[in-house]
N, C-alpha and C. Protein backbone atom coordinates (compact mmCIF):
# COMPACT_ATOMS: atom_id res chain seq x y z
N MET A 1 -6.57 2.37 -14.95
CA MET A 1 -6.06 1.07 -14.83
C MET A 1 -7.60 0.12 -13.90
N ARG A 2 -8.53 1.34 -14.53
CA ARG A 2 -9.77 0.74 -14.23
C ARG A 2 -9.98 -0.65 -15.02
N GLY A 3 -9.99 -0.67 -16.42
CA GLY A 3 -9.75 -1.72 -16.66
C GLY A 3 -8.98 -3.03 -16.74
N VAL A 4 -7.57 -2.70 -16.20
CA VAL A 4 -6.92 -3.56 -15.58
C VAL A 4 -7.66 -4.22 -14.60
N ASN A 5 -7.96 -3.25 -13.52
CA ASN A 5 -8.52 -4.24 -12.22
C ASN A 5 -9.75 -4.85 -12.48
N HIS A 6 -10.32 -4.47 -13.31
CA HIS A 6 -11.64 -5.02 -13.55
C HIS A 6 -11.26 -6.50 -13.95
N VAL A 7 -10.48 -6.88 -15.15
CA VAL A 7 -9.41 -7.58 -15.42
C VAL A 7 -9.27 -8.77 -13.97
N PHE A 8 -8.12 -8.25 -12.98
CA PHE A 8 -7.74 -8.33 -11.90
C PHE A 8 -9.12 -9.21 -11.01
N ALA A 9 -10.24 -8.36 -10.77
CA ALA A 9 -11.21 -8.88 -10.08
C ALA A 9 -12.27 -10.10 -10.56
N ARG A 10 -12.28 -9.84 -12.13
CA ARG A 10 -12.93 -11.58 -12.38
C ARG A 10 -12.25 -12.51 -12.65
N LEU A 11 -10.54 -12.49 -12.84
CA LEU A 11 -9.88 -13.39 -12.38
C LEU A 11 -9.56 -14.20 -11.53
N ALA A 12 -10.08 -13.26 -10.54
CA ALA A 12 -9.64 -13.51 -8.97
C ALA A 12 -10.98 -14.78 -8.71
N ARG A 13 -12.10 -13.99 -9.27
CA ARG A 13 -13.32 -15.02 -8.71
C ARG A 13 -13.19 -15.95 -9.86
N SER A 14 -12.58 -16.15 -10.64
CA SER A 14 -12.66 -17.88 -11.76
C SER A 14 -12.06 -18.26 -11.31
N ALA A 15 -11.67 -19.89 -11.95
CA ALA A 15 -11.13 -20.74 -11.69
C ALA A 15 -9.75 -20.64 -12.61
N PHE A 16 -9.30 -19.61 -12.70
CA PHE A 16 -7.86 -19.09 -13.17
C PHE A 16 -7.07 -19.17 -12.32
N GLY A 17 -5.96 -20.13 -12.64
CA GLY A 17 -4.50 -20.22 -11.83
C GLY A 17 -3.90 -18.80 -11.27
N ARG A 18 -3.56 -18.99 -9.79
CA ARG A 18 -2.56 -17.61 -9.50
C ARG A 18 -1.58 -17.34 -10.23
N GLN A 19 -0.63 -18.04 -10.90
CA GLN A 19 0.60 -17.71 -11.17
C GLN A 19 -0.17 -17.11 -12.57
N SER A 20 -0.75 -17.35 -13.43
CA SER A 20 -1.48 -16.76 -14.70
C SER A 20 -1.82 -15.27 -14.12
N LEU A 21 -2.40 -14.93 -13.20
CA LEU A 21 -2.74 -13.74 -12.38
C LEU A 21 -1.76 -12.87 -11.95
N LEU A 22 -0.47 -13.87 -11.27
CA LEU A 22 0.64 -12.81 -11.29
C LEU A 22 0.85 -11.96 -12.13
N PHE A 23 1.33 -13.50 -13.10
CA PHE A 23 1.79 -12.53 -14.73
C PHE A 23 0.92 -11.55 -15.09
N LEU A 24 -0.45 -11.29 -15.48
CA LEU A 24 -1.13 -10.72 -15.72
C LEU A 24 -0.90 -9.04 -14.37
N ALA A 25 -0.69 -9.27 -13.40
CA ALA A 25 -0.27 -8.09 -12.75
C ALA A 25 0.80 -7.57 -13.14
N LEU A 26 2.11 -8.47 -12.57
CA LEU A 26 3.03 -7.63 -13.47
C LEU A 26 3.31 -7.15 -15.10
N ALA A 27 2.77 -7.85 -15.88
CA ALA A 27 2.57 -7.36 -16.98
C ALA A 27 1.78 -5.69 -16.98
N ALA A 28 0.94 -5.92 -16.19
CA ALA A 28 0.18 -4.39 -16.36
C ALA A 28 0.73 -3.27 -15.37
N SER A 29 1.75 -3.58 -15.00
CA SER A 29 2.58 -2.76 -14.11
C SER A 29 3.06 -1.49 -14.29
N SER A 30 3.02 -1.69 -15.72
CA SER A 30 3.80 -0.87 -16.59
C SER A 30 3.07 0.84 -16.56
N VAL A 31 1.68 0.73 -15.81
CA VAL A 31 0.37 1.29 -16.71
C VAL A 31 0.34 1.51 -15.05
N ALA A 32 0.28 2.86 -14.68
CA ALA A 32 -0.11 3.18 -13.30
C ALA A 32 -0.84 4.64 -13.37
N ALA A 33 -1.79 4.06 -12.68
CA ALA A 33 -2.60 5.42 -12.24
C ALA A 33 -1.51 6.98 -12.35
N ALA A 34 -1.99 7.95 -13.10
CA ALA A 34 -1.76 9.31 -12.52
C ALA A 34 -0.10 9.43 -12.47
N GLN A 35 0.38 8.74 -13.25
CA GLN A 35 1.90 8.86 -13.34
C GLN A 35 2.11 10.15 -14.41
N PRO A 36 3.42 10.44 -13.56
CA PRO A 36 4.03 11.67 -13.95
C PRO A 36 4.56 11.57 -15.51
N VAL A 37 4.02 12.32 -16.29
CA VAL A 37 4.62 12.55 -17.84
C VAL A 37 6.47 12.45 -18.06
N PRO A 38 7.21 11.59 -18.40
CA PRO A 38 8.79 11.55 -18.55
C PRO A 38 8.77 13.06 -19.30
N SER A 39 9.86 13.46 -18.98
CA SER A 39 10.25 14.94 -19.78
C SER A 39 10.43 14.95 -21.21
N GLU A 40 10.93 13.46 -21.78
CA GLU A 40 11.40 12.86 -23.01
C GLU A 40 10.15 13.29 -24.06
N LEU A 41 8.79 12.45 -23.57
CA LEU A 41 7.50 12.75 -23.92
C LEU A 41 7.03 14.01 -24.01
N SER A 42 6.88 15.00 -22.61
CA SER A 42 6.33 15.90 -23.06
C SER A 42 7.21 16.88 -24.28
N ALA A 43 8.14 16.88 -24.44
CA ALA A 43 9.03 17.66 -25.12
C ALA A 43 8.43 17.22 -26.70
N LEU A 44 8.16 15.36 -26.93
CA LEU A 44 7.96 14.96 -28.06
C LEU A 44 6.32 15.79 -28.75
N ALA A 45 5.64 15.84 -27.40
CA ALA A 45 4.41 15.86 -27.80
C ALA A 45 4.13 17.31 -27.83
N ALA A 46 4.93 18.11 -27.43
CA ALA A 46 4.68 19.61 -27.64
C ALA A 46 5.86 19.53 -28.97
N LYS A 47 6.85 18.97 -29.40
CA LYS A 47 7.19 19.02 -30.85
C LYS A 47 6.03 18.98 -32.03
N ALA A 48 5.25 17.77 -31.30
CA ALA A 48 4.17 17.37 -32.44
C ALA A 48 2.99 17.89 -32.12
N ARG A 49 3.17 18.37 -31.75
CA ARG A 49 1.85 19.95 -30.94
C ARG A 49 0.56 18.91 -30.81
N LEU A 50 0.80 17.71 -30.18
CA LEU A 50 -0.34 17.15 -29.39
C LEU A 50 -1.54 17.64 -28.38
N GLU A 51 -2.22 17.90 -28.49
CA GLU A 51 -3.48 18.62 -28.02
C GLU A 51 -4.51 17.38 -27.07
N GLY A 52 -4.64 17.82 -25.36
CA GLY A 52 -5.08 17.42 -24.97
C GLY A 52 -4.30 16.55 -23.60
N ALA A 53 -4.90 16.64 -22.72
CA ALA A 53 -3.62 15.94 -21.19
C ALA A 53 -3.22 14.48 -21.80
N LEU A 54 -1.91 14.15 -21.43
CA LEU A 54 -1.52 12.61 -21.83
C LEU A 54 -1.58 12.27 -20.34
N VAL A 55 -2.94 11.45 -20.41
CA VAL A 55 -3.21 10.33 -19.30
C VAL A 55 -2.20 9.07 -18.91
N ALA A 56 -1.69 8.60 -19.70
CA ALA A 56 -1.03 6.90 -20.22
C ALA A 56 -0.20 7.08 -20.71
N SER A 57 0.80 6.26 -19.94
CA SER A 57 2.03 5.96 -21.27
C SER A 57 2.90 4.60 -21.51
N CYS A 58 3.44 4.30 -22.24
CA CYS A 58 4.30 3.27 -22.43
C CYS A 58 5.11 3.48 -23.25
N ARG A 59 6.63 3.27 -23.44
CA ARG A 59 7.39 3.00 -24.17
C ARG A 59 7.67 1.75 -25.03
N GLY A 60 8.05 1.63 -25.77
CA GLY A 60 8.26 0.63 -26.84
C GLY A 60 9.15 1.24 -28.02
N GLN A 61 9.79 -0.17 -28.52
CA GLN A 61 10.23 -0.41 -29.85
C GLN A 61 9.31 -0.96 -30.75
N PHE A 62 8.61 0.30 -31.53
CA PHE A 62 7.41 0.17 -32.39
C PHE A 62 7.52 -0.02 -33.83
N ARG A 63 8.98 0.56 -34.23
CA ARG A 63 9.34 -0.04 -35.37
C ARG A 63 10.82 -0.48 -35.08
N ALA A 64 10.83 -1.42 -36.17
CA ALA A 64 12.54 -1.94 -36.21
C ALA A 64 13.68 -1.18 -36.49
N GLY A 65 14.64 -1.02 -36.09
CA GLY A 65 15.78 0.11 -36.69
C GLY A 65 15.30 1.49 -36.05
N ARG A 66 14.37 1.68 -35.69
CA ARG A 66 13.85 3.23 -35.44
C ARG A 66 13.98 3.34 -33.60
N PRO A 67 14.62 4.53 -33.20
CA PRO A 67 14.67 4.61 -31.83
C PRO A 67 12.86 4.41 -31.51
N ARG A 68 13.59 4.27 -29.92
CA ARG A 68 11.82 4.41 -29.05
C ARG A 68 10.89 5.21 -28.97
N GLY A 69 9.93 4.78 -29.04
CA GLY A 69 8.58 5.82 -28.93
C GLY A 69 7.90 5.69 -28.07
N TYR A 70 6.89 6.44 -28.04
CA TYR A 70 5.70 5.98 -26.69
C TYR A 70 4.75 5.87 -27.13
N ALA A 71 3.56 5.07 -27.02
CA ALA A 71 1.89 5.14 -26.88
C ALA A 71 1.52 6.11 -25.93
N VAL A 72 0.60 6.38 -26.33
CA VAL A 72 0.40 7.49 -25.23
C VAL A 72 -1.51 7.70 -25.38
N ALA A 73 -1.94 8.02 -24.03
CA ALA A 73 -3.55 7.99 -24.06
C ALA A 73 -3.84 9.22 -23.82
N VAL A 74 -4.60 10.13 -24.83
CA VAL A 74 -4.91 11.78 -24.69
C VAL A 74 -6.07 11.48 -24.39
N ALA A 75 -6.13 12.46 -23.26
CA ALA A 75 -7.74 12.62 -22.87
C ALA A 75 -8.45 14.20 -24.03
N ALA A 76 -9.79 13.49 -24.41
CA ALA A 76 -10.61 14.34 -24.68
C ALA A 76 -11.25 15.30 -23.84
N GLU A 77 -11.70 16.06 -23.91
CA GLU A 77 -12.23 18.00 -23.37
C GLU A 77 -13.57 17.07 -22.20
N ARG A 78 -13.83 16.35 -23.00
CA ARG A 78 -15.54 15.44 -22.44
C ARG A 78 -14.55 14.34 -21.61
N ALA A 79 -15.64 12.94 -21.91
CA ALA A 79 -15.23 11.72 -21.50
C ALA A 79 -14.12 10.91 -22.39
N GLY A 80 -13.79 10.02 -22.49
CA GLY A 80 -12.58 9.75 -23.32
C GLY A 80 -11.50 9.98 -24.01
N GLY A 81 -11.16 10.01 -24.76
CA GLY A 81 -10.35 10.24 -25.85
C GLY A 81 -9.23 9.30 -26.95
N ARG A 82 -8.75 9.23 -27.18
CA ARG A 82 -7.66 8.55 -28.20
C ARG A 82 -6.18 8.00 -27.95
N TYR A 83 -6.18 6.93 -28.39
CA TYR A 83 -4.75 6.27 -28.45
C TYR A 83 -3.96 6.74 -29.39
N VAL A 84 -2.66 7.42 -29.01
CA VAL A 84 -1.91 7.44 -30.53
C VAL A 84 -0.30 6.75 -29.71
N VAL A 85 0.38 6.97 -30.94
CA VAL A 85 1.83 6.60 -30.86
C VAL A 85 2.82 7.89 -31.31
N ILE A 86 3.30 8.28 -30.67
CA ILE A 86 4.47 9.40 -30.87
C ILE A 86 5.81 8.52 -30.91
N GLU A 87 6.25 8.55 -32.67
CA GLU A 87 7.60 8.26 -32.42
C GLU A 87 8.41 9.11 -32.23
N SER A 88 9.82 8.82 -32.38
CA SER A 88 11.12 9.65 -31.91
C SER A 88 11.10 10.86 -32.89
N ASP A 89 10.69 11.15 -33.81
CA ASP A 89 10.84 12.34 -34.64
C ASP A 89 9.31 12.73 -34.49
N ALA A 90 8.76 12.73 -33.83
CA ALA A 90 7.50 13.22 -33.44
C ALA A 90 6.23 13.33 -33.98
N THR A 91 6.30 12.61 -35.01
CA THR A 91 5.33 11.83 -36.13
C THR A 91 4.24 11.58 -35.16
N VAL A 92 3.26 11.29 -35.18
CA VAL A 92 1.81 10.72 -34.41
C VAL A 92 1.01 10.23 -35.15
N VAL A 93 0.84 9.01 -34.60
CA VAL A 93 -0.42 7.92 -35.62
C VAL A 93 -1.51 7.43 -34.25
N GLU A 94 -2.48 7.85 -35.07
CA GLU A 94 -3.58 7.73 -33.91
C GLU A 94 -3.84 6.02 -34.29
N LEU A 95 -4.18 5.35 -33.12
CA LEU A 95 -4.50 3.86 -32.91
C LEU A 95 -6.28 3.70 -33.32
N ALA A 96 -6.97 4.60 -31.93
CA ALA A 96 -8.31 4.38 -31.63
C ALA A 96 -8.72 5.28 -30.63
N PRO A 97 -9.45 5.59 -30.53
CA PRO A 97 -10.74 6.36 -29.77
C PRO A 97 -11.03 5.24 -28.48
N PHE A 98 -10.82 5.89 -27.17
CA PHE A 98 -11.55 5.06 -26.37
C PHE A 98 -12.30 5.88 -25.77
N VAL A 99 -13.63 5.43 -24.72
CA VAL A 99 -14.72 5.82 -23.96
C VAL A 99 -14.50 5.50 -22.26
N GLY A 100 -14.94 6.18 -21.73
CA GLY A 100 -14.26 5.98 -20.33
C GLY A 100 -12.66 6.27 -19.85
N GLY A 101 -12.35 5.88 -18.39
CA GLY A 101 -10.96 5.73 -18.12
C GLY A 101 -10.32 5.26 -19.36
N ALA A 102 -8.49 5.29 -19.48
CA ALA A 102 -7.74 5.17 -20.54
C ALA A 102 -6.92 4.22 -19.78
N ASP A 103 -6.68 2.83 -20.43
CA ASP A 103 -5.76 1.96 -19.61
C ASP A 103 -4.85 0.90 -20.97
N LEU A 104 -3.66 1.48 -21.03
CA LEU A 104 -2.87 1.26 -21.78
C LEU A 104 -1.94 0.72 -21.77
N SER A 105 -1.49 -0.59 -22.05
CA SER A 105 0.34 -0.80 -21.77
C SER A 105 0.73 -1.60 -22.79
N CYS A 106 1.81 -1.82 -23.03
CA CYS A 106 3.22 -1.86 -24.16
C CYS A 106 4.05 -3.35 -23.60
N TYR A 107 3.98 -4.51 -24.86
CA TYR A 107 4.61 -5.63 -24.17
C TYR A 107 5.62 -5.78 -25.31
N THR A 108 6.46 -6.56 -25.25
CA THR A 108 7.49 -7.34 -25.90
C THR A 108 6.46 -8.40 -26.68
N PRO A 109 6.91 -9.38 -27.31
CA PRO A 109 6.45 -9.94 -28.19
C PRO A 109 5.94 -11.04 -27.17
N ALA A 110 7.60 -11.50 -26.64
CA ALA A 110 7.26 -12.41 -25.07
C ALA A 110 6.25 -12.10 -24.40
N GLU A 111 6.43 -11.05 -23.88
CA GLU A 111 5.56 -10.86 -22.60
C GLU A 111 3.88 -10.97 -23.67
N ALA A 112 3.75 -10.89 -24.66
CA ALA A 112 2.53 -10.64 -25.50
C ALA A 112 1.73 -12.30 -25.71
N ARG A 113 2.75 -12.97 -25.70
CA ARG A 113 2.76 -14.31 -25.83
C ARG A 113 2.04 -14.63 -24.53
N LYS A 114 2.90 -14.46 -23.91
CA LYS A 114 2.90 -15.46 -22.28
C LYS A 114 0.91 -14.44 -21.98
N LEU A 115 0.76 -13.78 -22.29
CA LEU A 115 -0.21 -12.55 -21.83
C LEU A 115 -1.44 -13.67 -22.95
N ASP A 116 -1.16 -13.74 -23.99
CA ASP A 116 -2.34 -14.80 -24.77
C ASP A 116 -2.55 -16.33 -24.47
N ARG A 117 -1.51 -16.69 -23.81
CA ARG A 117 -1.52 -18.39 -22.72
C ARG A 117 -2.90 -18.05 -22.29
N ALA A 118 -2.02 -16.73 -20.90
CA ALA A 118 -2.77 -16.42 -19.56
C ALA A 118 -4.79 -16.15 -20.32
N ILE A 119 -4.84 -15.88 -21.33
CA ILE A 119 -6.22 -15.28 -21.89
C ILE A 119 -6.79 -16.72 -21.91
N GLY A 120 -5.92 -17.47 -22.78
CA GLY A 120 -6.68 -18.60 -23.65
C GLY A 120 -7.40 -19.99 -21.90
N GLU A 121 -6.42 -19.52 -21.04
CA GLU A 121 -6.42 -20.41 -19.75
C GLU A 121 -8.30 -20.15 -19.19
N SER A 122 -7.89 -19.00 -19.72
CA SER A 122 -9.38 -17.80 -18.91
C SER A 122 -10.28 -18.37 -18.80
N GLU A 123 -11.60 -18.58 -17.58
CA GLU A 123 -12.88 -18.78 -18.04
C GLU A 123 -13.55 -17.45 -18.37
N ALA A 124 -12.81 -16.25 -17.84
CA ALA A 124 -14.00 -15.26 -17.49
C ALA A 124 -13.17 -14.05 -19.02
N ILE A 125 -12.03 -14.54 -19.33
CA ILE A 125 -11.42 -12.95 -20.36
C ILE A 125 -11.46 -14.25 -21.88
N HIS A 126 -11.74 -13.31 -22.92
CA HIS A 126 -12.18 -14.26 -24.04
C HIS A 126 -11.48 -13.08 -25.00
N GLY A 127 -10.62 -14.07 -26.24
CA GLY A 127 -9.82 -13.49 -27.08
C GLY A 127 -8.22 -14.12 -27.09
N GLN A 128 -7.98 -12.91 -28.03
CA GLN A 128 -5.85 -13.67 -28.20
C GLN A 128 -5.13 -12.21 -28.63
N ILE A 129 -3.84 -12.75 -28.46
CA ILE A 129 -3.00 -11.40 -28.84
C ILE A 129 -1.69 -12.68 -29.67
N ALA A 130 -1.70 -12.25 -31.25
CA ALA A 130 -0.96 -12.68 -31.76
C ALA A 130 0.01 -11.98 -32.76
N PRO A 131 1.51 -11.51 -31.82
CA PRO A 131 2.37 -11.04 -32.33
C PRO A 131 2.97 -11.26 -33.69
N ARG A 132 3.12 -10.26 -34.52
CA ARG A 132 3.70 -11.29 -35.78
C ARG A 132 4.97 -10.56 -36.50
N TRP A 133 5.28 -9.47 -35.55
CA TRP A 133 7.50 -9.17 -35.72
C TRP A 133 7.52 -9.10 -34.76
N ARG A 134 8.57 -8.45 -33.98
CA ARG A 134 9.37 -8.66 -33.26
C ARG A 134 9.67 -7.11 -32.54
N THR A 135 8.77 -6.05 -32.66
CA THR A 135 8.45 -5.29 -32.30
C THR A 135 7.26 -4.88 -30.87
N THR A 136 7.04 -3.67 -30.31
CA THR A 136 6.70 -4.02 -28.74
C THR A 136 4.84 -3.58 -29.73
N ILE A 137 4.17 -4.72 -29.03
CA ILE A 137 2.60 -4.29 -28.79
C ILE A 137 1.93 -3.58 -28.11
N VAL A 138 0.98 -2.73 -28.47
CA VAL A 138 0.50 -2.20 -27.37
C VAL A 138 -1.08 -2.25 -27.01
N CYS A 139 -1.79 -2.22 -26.15
CA CYS A 139 -2.84 -2.62 -26.13
C CYS A 139 -3.74 -1.88 -24.88
N GLY A 140 -5.02 -1.81 -25.47
CA GLY A 140 -5.65 -0.78 -24.27
C GLY A 140 -7.09 -0.94 -24.98
N PHE A 141 -8.16 -0.65 -23.63
CA PHE A 141 -9.46 -0.44 -23.45
C PHE A 141 -9.62 0.50 -24.11
N VAL A 142 -10.72 0.47 -25.08
CA VAL A 142 -11.74 0.79 -26.30
C VAL A 142 -12.36 1.16 -25.24
N GLU A 143 -13.09 0.06 -24.78
CA GLU A 143 -14.41 0.63 -23.60
C GLU A 143 -14.23 -0.17 -22.49
N ASN A 144 -15.35 -0.27 -21.74
CA ASN A 144 -15.11 -0.37 -20.75
C ASN A 144 -14.72 -2.10 -20.45
N THR A 145 -15.09 -2.91 -21.32
CA THR A 145 -14.52 -4.42 -21.27
C THR A 145 -13.75 -4.77 -22.54
N ARG A 146 -13.86 -4.30 -23.24
CA ARG A 146 -12.74 -4.76 -24.43
C ARG A 146 -11.56 -3.88 -24.30
N ALA A 147 -10.77 -4.85 -24.93
CA ALA A 147 -8.92 -4.18 -25.10
C ALA A 147 -8.53 -4.46 -26.81
N VAL A 148 -8.24 -3.92 -27.49
CA VAL A 148 -7.53 -4.23 -28.10
C VAL A 148 -6.28 -3.74 -28.38
N CYS A 149 -5.37 -4.86 -29.24
CA CYS A 149 -3.89 -4.92 -29.54
C CYS A 149 -3.61 -4.31 -30.74
N TRP A 150 -2.37 -3.37 -31.10
CA TRP A 150 -1.69 -3.03 -32.38
C TRP A 150 -0.42 -3.44 -32.19
N GLN A 151 0.06 -3.56 -33.57
CA GLN A 151 1.52 -3.57 -34.11
C GLN A 151 1.58 -2.83 -35.03
N TYR A 152 2.62 -2.36 -35.24
CA TYR A 152 3.48 -1.29 -36.31
C TYR A 152 3.63 -2.48 -37.55
N SER A 153 3.26 -2.45 -39.00
CA SER A 153 3.11 -3.69 -40.01
C SER A 153 4.09 -2.73 -41.04
N PRO A 154 5.50 -3.38 -41.20
CA PRO A 154 6.23 -3.13 -41.80
C PRO A 154 5.78 -2.77 -43.81
N ALA A 155 5.19 -3.81 -43.85
CA ALA A 155 4.98 -4.55 -45.71
C ALA A 155 3.95 -2.97 -45.57
N SER A 156 3.06 -2.90 -44.78
CA SER A 156 1.58 -2.19 -45.12
C SER A 156 2.22 -0.98 -44.48
N ARG A 157 3.09 -0.23 -43.80
CA ARG A 157 3.33 0.74 -43.36
C ARG A 157 2.12 1.06 -42.17
N GLU A 158 1.69 0.64 -41.45
CA GLU A 158 0.86 1.08 -40.59
C GLU A 158 0.46 0.17 -39.78
N TYR A 159 -0.26 0.62 -38.41
CA TYR A 159 -0.30 0.14 -37.67
C TYR A 159 -1.56 -0.77 -37.71
N VAL A 160 -1.41 -1.97 -36.84
CA VAL A 160 -3.03 -2.95 -37.49
C VAL A 160 -2.83 -3.95 -36.34
N LYS A 161 -3.82 -4.11 -36.20
CA LYS A 161 -4.48 -5.22 -34.85
C LYS A 161 -4.39 -6.56 -35.21
N VAL A 162 -3.65 -6.87 -33.65
CA VAL A 162 -2.70 -7.92 -33.31
C VAL A 162 -3.74 -9.27 -32.36
N GLY A 163 -4.81 -8.56 -32.03
CA GLY A 163 -5.38 -9.16 -31.07
C GLY A 163 -6.49 -8.23 -30.17
N GLY A 164 -6.61 -9.11 -29.43
CA GLY A 164 -7.57 -8.34 -28.03
C GLY A 164 -8.04 -9.23 -27.08
N TRP A 165 -9.20 -8.39 -26.26
CA TRP A 165 -9.89 -9.07 -25.39
C TRP A 165 -10.67 -8.71 -24.83
N ILE A 166 -12.14 -9.66 -24.62
CA ILE A 166 -13.40 -9.12 -23.64
C ILE A 166 -13.17 -9.63 -22.19
N THR A 167 -13.69 -8.84 -21.49
CA THR A 167 -14.03 -9.40 -19.99
C THR A 167 -15.22 -9.34 -19.66
């Protein structure tokens, strides 16, 4: 949660409204430090033969008409790791590597649009999130101050970047 806490600290020092800060806190509450791995996720990770410690996760509807899956941060042996999506059939799709600690969140399109508005009003955070479909958006800090967001594109059959922000 280091990245999210960093965002909150910057927002608290800026002229950013309390209401937007509260929304960001609630939106980020789905990511908790040292959260236990759900048994369903453990089973999917084993079936997918995913190697490495699962250090953060969130659940979402990544593809329309398919069962929900998980976005996961998998720690590397040394620092950093990688963000992946594990589909309900144990298919693993890599989103991006990350350095430092994992900071991962899943948003509905409505939540992502609210977060986009909050980012747009911020003096300390720069970026945008532009959901394109009705499915879950995954956002993760790939570097200490840079987050990237992805969403599954049915047309190109891959996860595409739909935004991000820099703190």
